[in-house]
Amino acid sequence: MENPDLLERCYPGRRAELKRAILRQALSCFNEQGIEASTIETIRVACDTSVGAIYHHFGNKEGLVAALFFAALDDQARLRETHLAKARTLKELLQGLVHSYVDWVDDQPQWARFQYQARFVVSKGPFADELAARNKVRNRQLRERLAATVDGDERLEIPRELLLSLIVGPAENYCRAWLAGRVEHSPRTYRHELAEAAWRSVRR
């Protein structure tokens, strides 16, 4: 059986079929035309539904953007957890963070492209508090993971606000370049090198 796509993982079942259809077309419109230029009417025409159906499920365009953005975050988190669950040492944990980040972008380029452009929009809009709360939970969970590794407490002496940038910064930079067509090889090609760069950046 074929694995479900991202929206089917986040919104499973037949009852969510219209919601998935709207979100798919919205994702396409936002990536092709940009978030600001896309309108509810454009999305309505693309998915052949009513304006009322879109407003019923998502409220407005900001709600659509947030629904897509949080679906991407949730899917990314699922893959990250799969990797981190196997980690027993600090190095394995960092490798899991980088590998899951790179693999997700490689597998979901359209979602990653949207996620990069939508982050600022969501952070400045009506869903900013929800995003901040989600980030707070994620960061706390990562700190707990780090503390639970065999050598985490002994070897990490890095400010909290700097840690994620050191770990996933190079991977994010390469992923953005790949999505923009500035580099040829997919991020997965260099997952080992990017993980090693993260490891070297936090070693003392």
N, C-alpha and C. Protein backbone atom coordinates (compact mmCIF):
# COMPACT_ATOMS: atom_id res chain seq x y z
N MET A 1 0.84 -1.20 0.00
CA MET A 1 0.00 0.00 0.00
C MET A 1 0.88 1.25 0.00
N GLU A 2 0.52 2.25 -0.81
CA GLU A 2 1.31 3.47 -0.90
C GLU A 2 1.19 4.27 0.39
N ASN A 3 2.32 4.85 0.82
CA ASN A 3 2.30 5.65 2.03
C ASN A 3 1.44 6.89 1.81
N PRO A 4 0.69 7.32 2.83
CA PRO A 4 -0.12 8.53 2.69
C PRO A 4 0.76 9.76 2.55
N ASP A 5 0.24 10.78 1.83
CA ASP A 5 1.03 11.99 1.69
C ASP A 5 0.90 12.82 2.97
N LEU A 6 1.57 13.96 2.98
CA LEU A 6 1.65 14.77 4.19
C LEU A 6 0.26 15.16 4.70
N LEU A 7 -0.60 15.63 3.81
CA LEU A 7 -1.92 16.07 4.23
C LEU A 7 -2.77 14.91 4.74
N GLU A 8 -2.60 13.75 4.16
CA GLU A 8 -3.35 12.58 4.64
C GLU A 8 -2.87 12.14 6.01
N ARG A 9 -1.58 12.37 6.29
CA ARG A 9 -1.08 12.07 7.63
C ARG A 9 -1.64 13.05 8.66
N CYS A 10 -1.74 14.32 8.26
CA CYS A 10 -2.20 15.35 9.20
C CYS A 10 -3.72 15.45 9.29
N TYR A 11 -4.39 15.16 8.17
CA TYR A 11 -5.86 15.24 8.12
C TYR A 11 -6.40 13.94 7.52
N PRO A 12 -6.37 12.85 8.27
CA PRO A 12 -6.76 11.55 7.71
C PRO A 12 -8.28 11.40 7.61
N GLY A 13 -8.69 10.46 6.77
CA GLY A 13 -10.10 10.08 6.70
C GLY A 13 -10.88 10.78 5.61
N ARG A 14 -12.01 10.19 5.25
CA ARG A 14 -12.83 10.72 4.18
C ARG A 14 -13.49 12.04 4.55
N ARG A 15 -13.78 12.23 5.82
CA ARG A 15 -14.44 13.47 6.26
C ARG A 15 -13.57 14.69 6.03
N ALA A 16 -12.27 14.48 5.97
CA ALA A 16 -11.34 15.60 5.76
C ALA A 16 -10.95 15.77 4.30
N GLU A 17 -11.64 15.08 3.40
CA GLU A 17 -11.25 15.10 1.99
C GLU A 17 -11.31 16.50 1.39
N LEU A 18 -12.38 17.25 1.65
CA LEU A 18 -12.49 18.61 1.11
C LEU A 18 -11.42 19.51 1.70
N LYS A 19 -11.18 19.36 2.99
CA LYS A 19 -10.14 20.17 3.64
C LYS A 19 -8.78 19.91 2.99
N ARG A 20 -8.46 18.65 2.72
CA ARG A 20 -7.19 18.32 2.06
C ARG A 20 -7.14 18.92 0.66
N ALA A 21 -8.26 18.86 -0.07
CA ALA A 21 -8.28 19.39 -1.43
C ALA A 21 -8.04 20.90 -1.42
N ILE A 22 -8.65 21.60 -0.50
CA ILE A 22 -8.44 23.05 -0.40
C ILE A 22 -6.99 23.35 -0.05
N LEU A 23 -6.44 22.62 0.90
CA LEU A 23 -5.06 22.87 1.32
C LEU A 23 -4.07 22.57 0.20
N ARG A 24 -4.31 21.52 -0.57
CA ARG A 24 -3.41 21.20 -1.68
C ARG A 24 -3.37 22.34 -2.70
N GLN A 25 -4.54 22.85 -3.05
CA GLN A 25 -4.58 23.93 -4.03
C GLN A 25 -4.01 25.22 -3.44
N ALA A 26 -4.25 25.45 -2.17
CA ALA A 26 -3.69 26.63 -1.52
C ALA A 26 -2.16 26.57 -1.52
N LEU A 27 -1.62 25.40 -1.22
CA LEU A 27 -0.17 25.23 -1.24
C LEU A 27 0.39 25.55 -2.61
N SER A 28 -0.25 25.04 -3.64
CA SER A 28 0.20 25.29 -5.01
C SER A 28 0.13 26.78 -5.34
N CYS A 29 -0.98 27.42 -4.99
CA CYS A 29 -1.13 28.85 -5.27
C CYS A 29 -0.09 29.69 -4.54
N PHE A 30 0.11 29.40 -3.27
CA PHE A 30 1.07 30.17 -2.48
C PHE A 30 2.49 30.02 -3.03
N ASN A 31 2.85 28.82 -3.46
CA ASN A 31 4.19 28.61 -3.99
C ASN A 31 4.37 29.22 -5.37
N GLU A 32 3.33 29.20 -6.18
CA GLU A 32 3.44 29.72 -7.54
C GLU A 32 3.29 31.23 -7.61
N GLN A 33 2.39 31.78 -6.80
CA GLN A 33 2.08 33.21 -6.89
C GLN A 33 2.59 34.03 -5.71
N GLY A 34 2.98 33.35 -4.66
CA GLY A 34 3.36 34.04 -3.44
C GLY A 34 2.17 34.17 -2.51
N ILE A 35 2.42 34.23 -1.23
CA ILE A 35 1.34 34.30 -0.25
C ILE A 35 0.56 35.60 -0.37
N GLU A 36 1.26 36.70 -0.49
CA GLU A 36 0.58 38.00 -0.53
C GLU A 36 -0.29 38.13 -1.78
N ALA A 37 0.20 37.64 -2.92
CA ALA A 37 -0.53 37.80 -4.18
C ALA A 37 -1.71 36.84 -4.30
N SER A 38 -1.67 35.74 -3.60
CA SER A 38 -2.75 34.75 -3.70
C SER A 38 -3.99 35.25 -2.95
N THR A 39 -5.16 34.96 -3.51
CA THR A 39 -6.41 35.37 -2.88
C THR A 39 -7.29 34.15 -2.63
N ILE A 40 -8.28 34.33 -1.78
CA ILE A 40 -9.24 33.26 -1.53
C ILE A 40 -9.95 32.88 -2.82
N GLU A 41 -10.25 33.86 -3.65
CA GLU A 41 -10.92 33.58 -4.92
C GLU A 41 -10.06 32.72 -5.83
N THR A 42 -8.77 33.01 -5.89
CA THR A 42 -7.85 32.20 -6.70
C THR A 42 -7.86 30.75 -6.22
N ILE A 43 -7.81 30.58 -4.94
CA ILE A 43 -7.80 29.23 -4.36
C ILE A 43 -9.14 28.54 -4.58
N ARG A 44 -10.23 29.30 -4.44
CA ARG A 44 -11.57 28.74 -4.66
C ARG A 44 -11.71 28.19 -6.07
N VAL A 45 -11.26 28.96 -7.05
CA VAL A 45 -11.34 28.53 -8.45
C VAL A 45 -10.49 27.28 -8.66
N ALA A 46 -9.30 27.26 -8.07
CA ALA A 46 -8.38 26.13 -8.27
C ALA A 46 -8.93 24.83 -7.71
N CYS A 47 -9.64 24.90 -6.59
CA CYS A 47 -10.15 23.67 -5.98
C CYS A 47 -11.63 23.45 -6.24
N ASP A 48 -12.24 24.35 -7.04
CA ASP A 48 -13.63 24.19 -7.48
C ASP A 48 -14.57 23.97 -6.30
N THR A 49 -14.50 24.88 -5.35
CA THR A 49 -15.40 24.82 -4.20
C THR A 49 -15.95 26.21 -3.94
N SER A 50 -16.68 26.38 -2.88
CA SER A 50 -17.27 27.67 -2.57
C SER A 50 -16.40 28.46 -1.60
N VAL A 51 -16.56 29.78 -1.65
CA VAL A 51 -15.87 30.62 -0.68
C VAL A 51 -16.31 30.25 0.73
N GLY A 52 -17.60 29.93 0.88
CA GLY A 52 -18.12 29.56 2.19
C GLY A 52 -17.44 28.34 2.77
N ALA A 53 -17.13 27.36 1.91
CA ALA A 53 -16.45 26.15 2.39
C ALA A 53 -15.06 26.47 2.91
N ILE A 54 -14.37 27.36 2.21
CA ILE A 54 -13.02 27.74 2.63
C ILE A 54 -13.07 28.48 3.97
N TYR A 55 -14.00 29.43 4.08
CA TYR A 55 -14.11 30.18 5.33
C TYR A 55 -14.59 29.29 6.47
N HIS A 56 -15.43 28.32 6.16
CA HIS A 56 -15.92 27.40 7.20
C HIS A 56 -14.77 26.61 7.82
N HIS A 57 -13.87 26.12 6.96
CA HIS A 57 -12.78 25.27 7.45
C HIS A 57 -11.61 26.08 8.02
N PHE A 58 -11.33 27.25 7.43
CA PHE A 58 -10.08 27.94 7.77
C PHE A 58 -10.25 29.39 8.22
N GLY A 59 -11.44 29.94 8.11
CA GLY A 59 -11.67 31.29 8.59
C GLY A 59 -11.32 32.37 7.59
N ASN A 60 -10.09 32.40 7.14
CA ASN A 60 -9.62 33.40 6.18
C ASN A 60 -8.29 32.92 5.59
N LYS A 61 -7.65 33.79 4.80
CA LYS A 61 -6.39 33.38 4.18
C LYS A 61 -5.31 33.12 5.22
N GLU A 62 -5.29 33.93 6.27
CA GLU A 62 -4.30 33.70 7.33
C GLU A 62 -4.49 32.32 7.96
N GLY A 63 -5.75 31.90 8.08
CA GLY A 63 -6.03 30.57 8.62
C GLY A 63 -5.54 29.47 7.71
N LEU A 64 -5.67 29.68 6.40
CA LEU A 64 -5.14 28.71 5.43
C LEU A 64 -3.63 28.60 5.52
N VAL A 65 -2.98 29.76 5.55
CA VAL A 65 -1.52 29.77 5.66
C VAL A 65 -1.07 29.05 6.93
N ALA A 66 -1.72 29.35 8.04
CA ALA A 66 -1.35 28.73 9.31
C ALA A 66 -1.61 27.23 9.29
N ALA A 67 -2.73 26.81 8.71
CA ALA A 67 -3.03 25.37 8.66
C ALA A 67 -1.97 24.62 7.88
N LEU A 68 -1.55 25.18 6.76
CA LEU A 68 -0.48 24.55 5.97
C LEU A 68 0.84 24.56 6.73
N PHE A 69 1.15 25.69 7.34
CA PHE A 69 2.42 25.83 8.04
C PHE A 69 2.51 24.86 9.21
N PHE A 70 1.46 24.76 10.00
CA PHE A 70 1.48 23.87 11.15
C PHE A 70 1.43 22.40 10.72
N ALA A 71 0.78 22.11 9.60
CA ALA A 71 0.82 20.74 9.07
C ALA A 71 2.24 20.35 8.72
N ALA A 72 2.97 21.28 8.10
CA ALA A 72 4.37 21.03 7.77
C ALA A 72 5.20 20.83 9.03
N LEU A 73 5.00 21.69 10.03
CA LEU A 73 5.74 21.55 11.29
C LEU A 73 5.46 20.20 11.95
N ASP A 74 4.20 19.80 11.96
CA ASP A 74 3.83 18.53 12.59
C ASP A 74 4.47 17.35 11.87
N ASP A 75 4.48 17.40 10.54
CA ASP A 75 5.07 16.31 9.78
C ASP A 75 6.58 16.26 9.99
N GLN A 76 7.18 17.42 10.01
CA GLN A 76 8.62 17.51 10.28
C GLN A 76 8.94 16.94 11.66
N ALA A 77 8.09 17.26 12.63
CA ALA A 77 8.31 16.79 14.00
C ALA A 77 8.19 15.27 14.09
N ARG A 78 7.27 14.69 13.32
CA ARG A 78 7.12 13.23 13.33
C ARG A 78 8.40 12.55 12.84
N LEU A 79 8.95 13.07 11.76
CA LEU A 79 10.18 12.47 11.24
C LEU A 79 11.33 12.70 12.21
N ARG A 80 11.40 13.88 12.79
CA ARG A 80 12.47 14.17 13.75
C ARG A 80 12.40 13.22 14.94
N GLU A 81 11.21 12.98 15.44
CA GLU A 81 11.06 12.08 16.59
C GLU A 81 11.49 10.66 16.24
N THR A 82 11.21 10.23 15.02
CA THR A 82 11.63 8.89 14.58
C THR A 82 13.15 8.77 14.65
N HIS A 83 13.84 9.82 14.23
CA HIS A 83 15.31 9.80 14.27
C HIS A 83 15.83 9.90 15.70
N LEU A 84 15.26 10.81 16.47
CA LEU A 84 15.79 11.06 17.81
C LEU A 84 15.53 9.90 18.76
N ALA A 85 14.49 9.15 18.51
CA ALA A 85 14.17 8.01 19.37
C ALA A 85 15.28 6.96 19.36
N LYS A 86 16.09 6.96 18.32
CA LYS A 86 17.18 5.99 18.21
C LYS A 86 18.48 6.48 18.83
N ALA A 87 18.55 7.77 19.15
CA ALA A 87 19.80 8.37 19.60
C ALA A 87 20.10 8.02 21.05
N ARG A 88 21.34 7.66 21.33
CA ARG A 88 21.76 7.35 22.70
C ARG A 88 22.91 8.24 23.16
N THR A 89 23.58 8.88 22.23
CA THR A 89 24.69 9.77 22.57
C THR A 89 24.42 11.14 21.99
N LEU A 90 25.20 12.11 22.43
CA LEU A 90 25.05 13.47 21.93
C LEU A 90 25.27 13.52 20.42
N LYS A 91 26.30 12.84 19.95
CA LYS A 91 26.57 12.87 18.51
C LYS A 91 25.42 12.27 17.72
N GLU A 92 24.86 11.17 18.19
CA GLU A 92 23.73 10.55 17.50
C GLU A 92 22.51 11.47 17.52
N LEU A 93 22.34 12.20 18.60
CA LEU A 93 21.22 13.13 18.69
C LEU A 93 21.36 14.25 17.66
N LEU A 94 22.55 14.82 17.57
CA LEU A 94 22.78 15.88 16.60
C LEU A 94 22.64 15.36 15.17
N GLN A 95 23.15 14.17 14.94
CA GLN A 95 22.98 13.56 13.62
C GLN A 95 21.50 13.38 13.29
N GLY A 96 20.73 12.95 14.27
CA GLY A 96 19.30 12.76 14.05
C GLY A 96 18.59 14.06 13.72
N LEU A 97 18.97 15.14 14.40
CA LEU A 97 18.37 16.44 14.12
C LEU A 97 18.66 16.88 12.69
N VAL A 98 19.91 16.76 12.29
CA VAL A 98 20.30 17.20 10.95
C VAL A 98 19.74 16.27 9.88
N HIS A 99 19.87 14.98 10.09
CA HIS A 99 19.38 14.03 9.09
C HIS A 99 17.87 14.18 8.87
N SER A 100 17.12 14.33 9.95
CA SER A 100 15.67 14.46 9.80
C SER A 100 15.31 15.76 9.10
N TYR A 101 16.04 16.82 9.39
CA TYR A 101 15.78 18.11 8.74
C TYR A 101 16.04 18.01 7.24
N VAL A 102 17.20 17.49 6.90
CA VAL A 102 17.60 17.37 5.49
C VAL A 102 16.68 16.41 4.74
N ASP A 103 16.40 15.28 5.34
CA ASP A 103 15.57 14.28 4.66
C ASP A 103 14.16 14.80 4.42
N TRP A 104 13.63 15.55 5.37
CA TRP A 104 12.27 16.07 5.19
C TRP A 104 12.22 17.06 4.04
N VAL A 105 13.18 17.97 3.99
CA VAL A 105 13.21 18.94 2.88
C VAL A 105 13.38 18.22 1.55
N ASP A 106 14.24 17.22 1.53
CA ASP A 106 14.48 16.46 0.30
C ASP A 106 13.21 15.74 -0.16
N ASP A 107 12.46 15.20 0.79
CA ASP A 107 11.23 14.47 0.47
C ASP A 107 10.05 15.39 0.18
N GLN A 108 10.06 16.58 0.77
CA GLN A 108 8.91 17.50 0.68
C GLN A 108 9.34 18.88 0.20
N PRO A 109 9.91 19.00 -0.99
CA PRO A 109 10.43 20.30 -1.43
C PRO A 109 9.37 21.39 -1.54
N GLN A 110 8.16 21.04 -1.99
CA GLN A 110 7.12 22.06 -2.11
C GLN A 110 6.67 22.56 -0.73
N TRP A 111 6.57 21.65 0.20
CA TRP A 111 6.22 22.04 1.56
C TRP A 111 7.33 22.86 2.20
N ALA A 112 8.57 22.46 1.98
CA ALA A 112 9.69 23.21 2.55
C ALA A 112 9.75 24.61 1.95
N ARG A 113 9.53 24.72 0.65
CA ARG A 113 9.54 26.03 -0.01
C ARG A 113 8.46 26.92 0.61
N PHE A 114 7.29 26.36 0.82
CA PHE A 114 6.22 27.13 1.45
C PHE A 114 6.58 27.49 2.89
N GLN A 115 7.12 26.54 3.62
CA GLN A 115 7.43 26.77 5.03
C GLN A 115 8.40 27.94 5.21
N TYR A 116 9.38 28.01 4.34
CA TYR A 116 10.35 29.10 4.46
C TYR A 116 9.70 30.47 4.23
N GLN A 117 8.80 30.55 3.24
CA GLN A 117 8.18 31.86 2.99
C GLN A 117 7.07 32.17 3.99
N ALA A 118 6.47 31.14 4.57
CA ALA A 118 5.33 31.37 5.46
C ALA A 118 5.72 31.68 6.90
N ARG A 119 6.92 31.31 7.29
CA ARG A 119 7.31 31.47 8.70
C ARG A 119 7.15 32.92 9.17
N PHE A 120 7.63 33.86 8.38
CA PHE A 120 7.53 35.27 8.78
C PHE A 120 6.07 35.70 8.83
N VAL A 121 5.28 35.28 7.83
CA VAL A 121 3.87 35.65 7.79
C VAL A 121 3.14 35.16 9.03
N VAL A 122 3.37 33.91 9.40
CA VAL A 122 2.70 33.35 10.58
C VAL A 122 3.19 34.03 11.86
N SER A 123 4.47 34.30 11.92
CA SER A 123 5.04 34.89 13.14
C SER A 123 4.56 36.32 13.39
N LYS A 124 4.05 36.98 12.35
CA LYS A 124 3.57 38.35 12.49
C LYS A 124 2.05 38.46 12.42
N GLY A 125 1.37 37.34 12.29
CA GLY A 125 -0.07 37.35 12.11
C GLY A 125 -0.83 36.88 13.33
N PRO A 126 -2.11 36.55 13.15
CA PRO A 126 -2.97 36.16 14.28
C PRO A 126 -2.60 34.83 14.93
N PHE A 127 -1.73 34.06 14.28
CA PHE A 127 -1.33 32.76 14.84
C PHE A 127 0.08 32.81 15.44
N ALA A 128 0.56 34.03 15.68
CA ALA A 128 1.91 34.19 16.23
C ALA A 128 2.05 33.54 17.60
N ASP A 129 1.04 33.67 18.44
CA ASP A 129 1.12 33.08 19.78
C ASP A 129 1.18 31.56 19.72
N GLU A 130 0.41 30.97 18.80
CA GLU A 130 0.44 29.51 18.67
C GLU A 130 1.81 29.04 18.20
N LEU A 131 2.39 29.78 17.25
CA LEU A 131 3.73 29.43 16.76
C LEU A 131 4.74 29.53 17.89
N ALA A 132 4.67 30.61 18.66
CA ALA A 132 5.61 30.79 19.78
C ALA A 132 5.46 29.67 20.80
N ALA A 133 4.22 29.27 21.07
CA ALA A 133 3.99 28.18 22.03
C ALA A 133 4.54 26.86 21.51
N ARG A 134 4.34 26.59 20.22
CA ARG A 134 4.87 25.36 19.63
C ARG A 134 6.39 25.35 19.68
N ASN A 135 7.00 26.49 19.36
CA ASN A 135 8.46 26.57 19.39
C ASN A 135 8.99 26.36 20.80
N LYS A 136 8.28 26.89 21.78
CA LYS A 136 8.70 26.74 23.17
C LYS A 136 8.67 25.27 23.58
N VAL A 137 7.61 24.57 23.20
CA VAL A 137 7.50 23.14 23.51
C VAL A 137 8.60 22.35 22.83
N ARG A 138 8.82 22.64 21.54
CA ARG A 138 9.87 21.93 20.80
C ARG A 138 11.23 22.16 21.44
N ASN A 139 11.54 23.39 21.78
CA ASN A 139 12.85 23.69 22.36
C ASN A 139 13.03 23.02 23.72
N ARG A 140 11.96 23.00 24.51
CA ARG A 140 12.04 22.32 25.81
C ARG A 140 12.29 20.83 25.62
N GLN A 141 11.60 20.22 24.66
CA GLN A 141 11.78 18.79 24.40
C GLN A 141 13.20 18.50 23.93
N LEU A 142 13.75 19.38 23.11
CA LEU A 142 15.12 19.18 22.64
C LEU A 142 16.11 19.30 23.79
N ARG A 143 15.88 20.26 24.68
CA ARG A 143 16.77 20.39 25.85
C ARG A 143 16.70 19.14 26.72
N GLU A 144 15.50 18.59 26.87
CA GLU A 144 15.36 17.37 27.66
C GLU A 144 16.07 16.20 26.99
N ARG A 145 16.00 16.14 25.67
CA ARG A 145 16.71 15.10 24.94
C ARG A 145 18.21 15.23 25.14
N LEU A 146 18.69 16.45 25.04
CA LEU A 146 20.13 16.69 25.21
C LEU A 146 20.58 16.27 26.60
N ALA A 147 19.78 16.62 27.60
CA ALA A 147 20.15 16.27 28.98
C ALA A 147 20.13 14.77 29.21
N ALA A 148 19.31 14.07 28.43
CA ALA A 148 19.17 12.62 28.62
C ALA A 148 20.26 11.82 27.93
N THR A 149 21.01 12.46 27.04
CA THR A 149 22.10 11.73 26.38
C THR A 149 23.22 11.50 27.37
N VAL A 150 24.03 10.52 27.09
CA VAL A 150 25.08 10.11 28.01
C VAL A 150 26.03 11.25 28.34
N ASP A 151 26.41 12.02 27.32
CA ASP A 151 27.41 13.06 27.53
C ASP A 151 26.86 14.46 27.31
N GLY A 152 25.53 14.59 27.23
CA GLY A 152 24.94 15.88 26.92
C GLY A 152 25.29 16.98 27.90
N ASP A 153 25.10 16.74 29.19
CA ASP A 153 25.34 17.76 30.19
C ASP A 153 26.82 18.11 30.31
N GLU A 154 27.69 17.15 30.04
CA GLU A 154 29.11 17.36 30.24
C GLU A 154 29.74 18.17 29.11
N ARG A 155 29.19 18.05 27.90
CA ARG A 155 29.92 18.58 26.77
C ARG A 155 29.25 19.76 26.08
N LEU A 156 28.03 20.11 26.46
CA LEU A 156 27.37 21.24 25.83
C LEU A 156 27.38 22.45 26.75
N GLU A 157 28.15 23.45 26.39
CA GLU A 157 28.20 24.69 27.15
C GLU A 157 27.95 25.84 26.18
N ILE A 158 26.79 25.80 25.54
CA ILE A 158 26.43 26.76 24.50
C ILE A 158 25.13 27.44 24.88
N PRO A 159 25.04 28.77 24.70
CA PRO A 159 23.79 29.46 25.02
C PRO A 159 22.60 28.85 24.29
N ARG A 160 21.48 28.79 24.97
CA ARG A 160 20.29 28.15 24.39
C ARG A 160 19.90 28.78 23.06
N GLU A 161 19.95 30.12 22.99
CA GLU A 161 19.49 30.79 21.79
C GLU A 161 20.41 30.55 20.59
N LEU A 162 21.60 30.06 20.85
CA LEU A 162 22.56 29.81 19.77
C LEU A 162 22.53 28.36 19.29
N LEU A 163 22.06 27.47 20.14
CA LEU A 163 22.23 26.03 19.90
C LEU A 163 21.63 25.56 18.58
N LEU A 164 20.35 25.86 18.33
CA LEU A 164 19.71 25.37 17.11
C LEU A 164 20.36 25.94 15.86
N SER A 165 20.80 27.19 15.92
CA SER A 165 21.47 27.79 14.76
C SER A 165 22.76 27.06 14.43
N LEU A 166 23.49 26.66 15.46
CA LEU A 166 24.73 25.91 15.22
C LEU A 166 24.44 24.53 14.64
N ILE A 167 23.36 23.90 15.13
CA ILE A 167 23.09 22.52 14.72
C ILE A 167 22.49 22.45 13.32
N VAL A 168 21.43 23.22 13.06
CA VAL A 168 20.74 23.10 11.77
C VAL A 168 21.00 24.27 10.83
N GLY A 169 21.76 25.27 11.29
CA GLY A 169 22.03 26.43 10.43
C GLY A 169 22.63 26.08 9.08
N PRO A 170 23.74 25.32 9.05
CA PRO A 170 24.33 24.95 7.75
C PRO A 170 23.37 24.13 6.89
N ALA A 171 22.62 23.23 7.50
CA ALA A 171 21.66 22.41 6.74
C ALA A 171 20.56 23.29 6.15
N GLU A 172 20.05 24.22 6.95
CA GLU A 172 19.01 25.12 6.45
C GLU A 172 19.53 25.97 5.30
N ASN A 173 20.75 26.47 5.44
CA ASN A 173 21.34 27.30 4.39
C ASN A 173 21.45 26.53 3.08
N TYR A 174 21.90 25.27 3.16
CA TYR A 174 22.04 24.47 1.94
C TYR A 174 20.67 24.13 1.36
N CYS A 175 19.72 23.80 2.22
CA CYS A 175 18.38 23.47 1.74
C CYS A 175 17.75 24.65 1.01
N ARG A 176 17.91 25.84 1.55
CA ARG A 176 17.37 27.03 0.89
C ARG A 176 18.03 27.23 -0.47
N ALA A 177 19.33 27.04 -0.53
CA ALA A 177 20.04 27.20 -1.80
C ALA A 177 19.55 26.18 -2.82
N TRP A 178 19.32 24.96 -2.38
CA TRP A 178 18.83 23.91 -3.29
C TRP A 178 17.43 24.23 -3.81
N LEU A 179 16.56 24.65 -2.92
CA LEU A 179 15.19 24.99 -3.33
C LEU A 179 15.17 26.18 -4.28
N ALA A 180 16.13 27.07 -4.14
CA ALA A 180 16.22 28.23 -5.02
C ALA A 180 16.95 27.93 -6.32
N GLY A 181 17.46 26.71 -6.47
CA GLY A 181 18.16 26.34 -7.69
C GLY A 181 19.59 26.82 -7.77
N ARG A 182 20.15 27.23 -6.63
CA ARG A 182 21.52 27.75 -6.64
C ARG A 182 22.57 26.66 -6.51
N VAL A 183 22.17 25.47 -6.08
CA VAL A 183 23.08 24.32 -6.02
C VAL A 183 22.39 23.14 -6.70
N GLU A 184 23.19 22.22 -7.20
CA GLU A 184 22.65 21.13 -8.02
C GLU A 184 22.19 19.93 -7.20
N HIS A 185 23.01 19.49 -6.27
CA HIS A 185 22.75 18.23 -5.57
C HIS A 185 21.73 18.42 -4.45
N SER A 186 20.90 17.41 -4.26
CA SER A 186 19.87 17.48 -3.23
C SER A 186 20.50 17.47 -1.84
N PRO A 187 19.81 17.99 -0.84
CA PRO A 187 20.36 18.03 0.52
C PRO A 187 20.76 16.66 1.05
N ARG A 188 20.01 15.63 0.69
CA ARG A 188 20.31 14.29 1.19
C ARG A 188 21.71 13.83 0.76
N THR A 189 22.19 14.34 -0.35
CA THR A 189 23.52 13.98 -0.83
C THR A 189 24.58 14.30 0.21
N TYR A 190 24.37 15.39 0.96
CA TYR A 190 25.39 15.86 1.90
C TYR A 190 24.92 15.75 3.36
N ARG A 191 24.00 14.84 3.62
CA ARG A 191 23.48 14.73 4.99
C ARG A 191 24.59 14.38 5.98
N HIS A 192 25.53 13.52 5.58
CA HIS A 192 26.62 13.14 6.48
C HIS A 192 27.52 14.34 6.76
N GLU A 193 27.90 15.07 5.70
CA GLU A 193 28.78 16.22 5.88
C GLU A 193 28.11 17.31 6.74
N LEU A 194 26.83 17.53 6.52
CA LEU A 194 26.12 18.54 7.30
C LEU A 194 26.00 18.13 8.77
N ALA A 195 25.79 16.85 9.02
CA ALA A 195 25.72 16.36 10.40
C ALA A 195 27.08 16.48 11.08
N GLU A 196 28.14 16.19 10.35
CA GLU A 196 29.48 16.33 10.91
C GLU A 196 29.79 17.78 11.23
N ALA A 197 29.33 18.69 10.37
CA ALA A 197 29.54 20.12 10.63
C ALA A 197 28.83 20.55 11.91
N ALA A 198 27.63 20.03 12.13
CA ALA A 198 26.89 20.34 13.35
C ALA A 198 27.63 19.81 14.58
N TRP A 199 28.15 18.61 14.46
CA TRP A 199 28.88 17.99 15.57
C TRP A 199 30.13 18.79 15.91
N ARG A 200 30.88 19.18 14.90
CA ARG A 200 32.10 19.97 15.15
C ARG A 200 31.78 21.32 15.77
N SER A 201 30.63 21.89 15.42
CA SER A 201 30.30 23.24 15.90
C SER A 201 29.98 23.29 17.39
N VAL A 202 29.61 22.15 17.98
CA VAL A 202 29.24 22.16 19.40
C VAL A 202 30.26 21.44 20.28
N ARG A 203 31.26 20.85 19.68
CA ARG A 203 32.27 20.15 20.48
C ARG A 203 33.15 21.15 21.21
N ARG A 204 33.57 20.76 22.39
CA ARG A 204 34.46 21.62 23.19
C ARG A 204 35.80 20.91 23.40
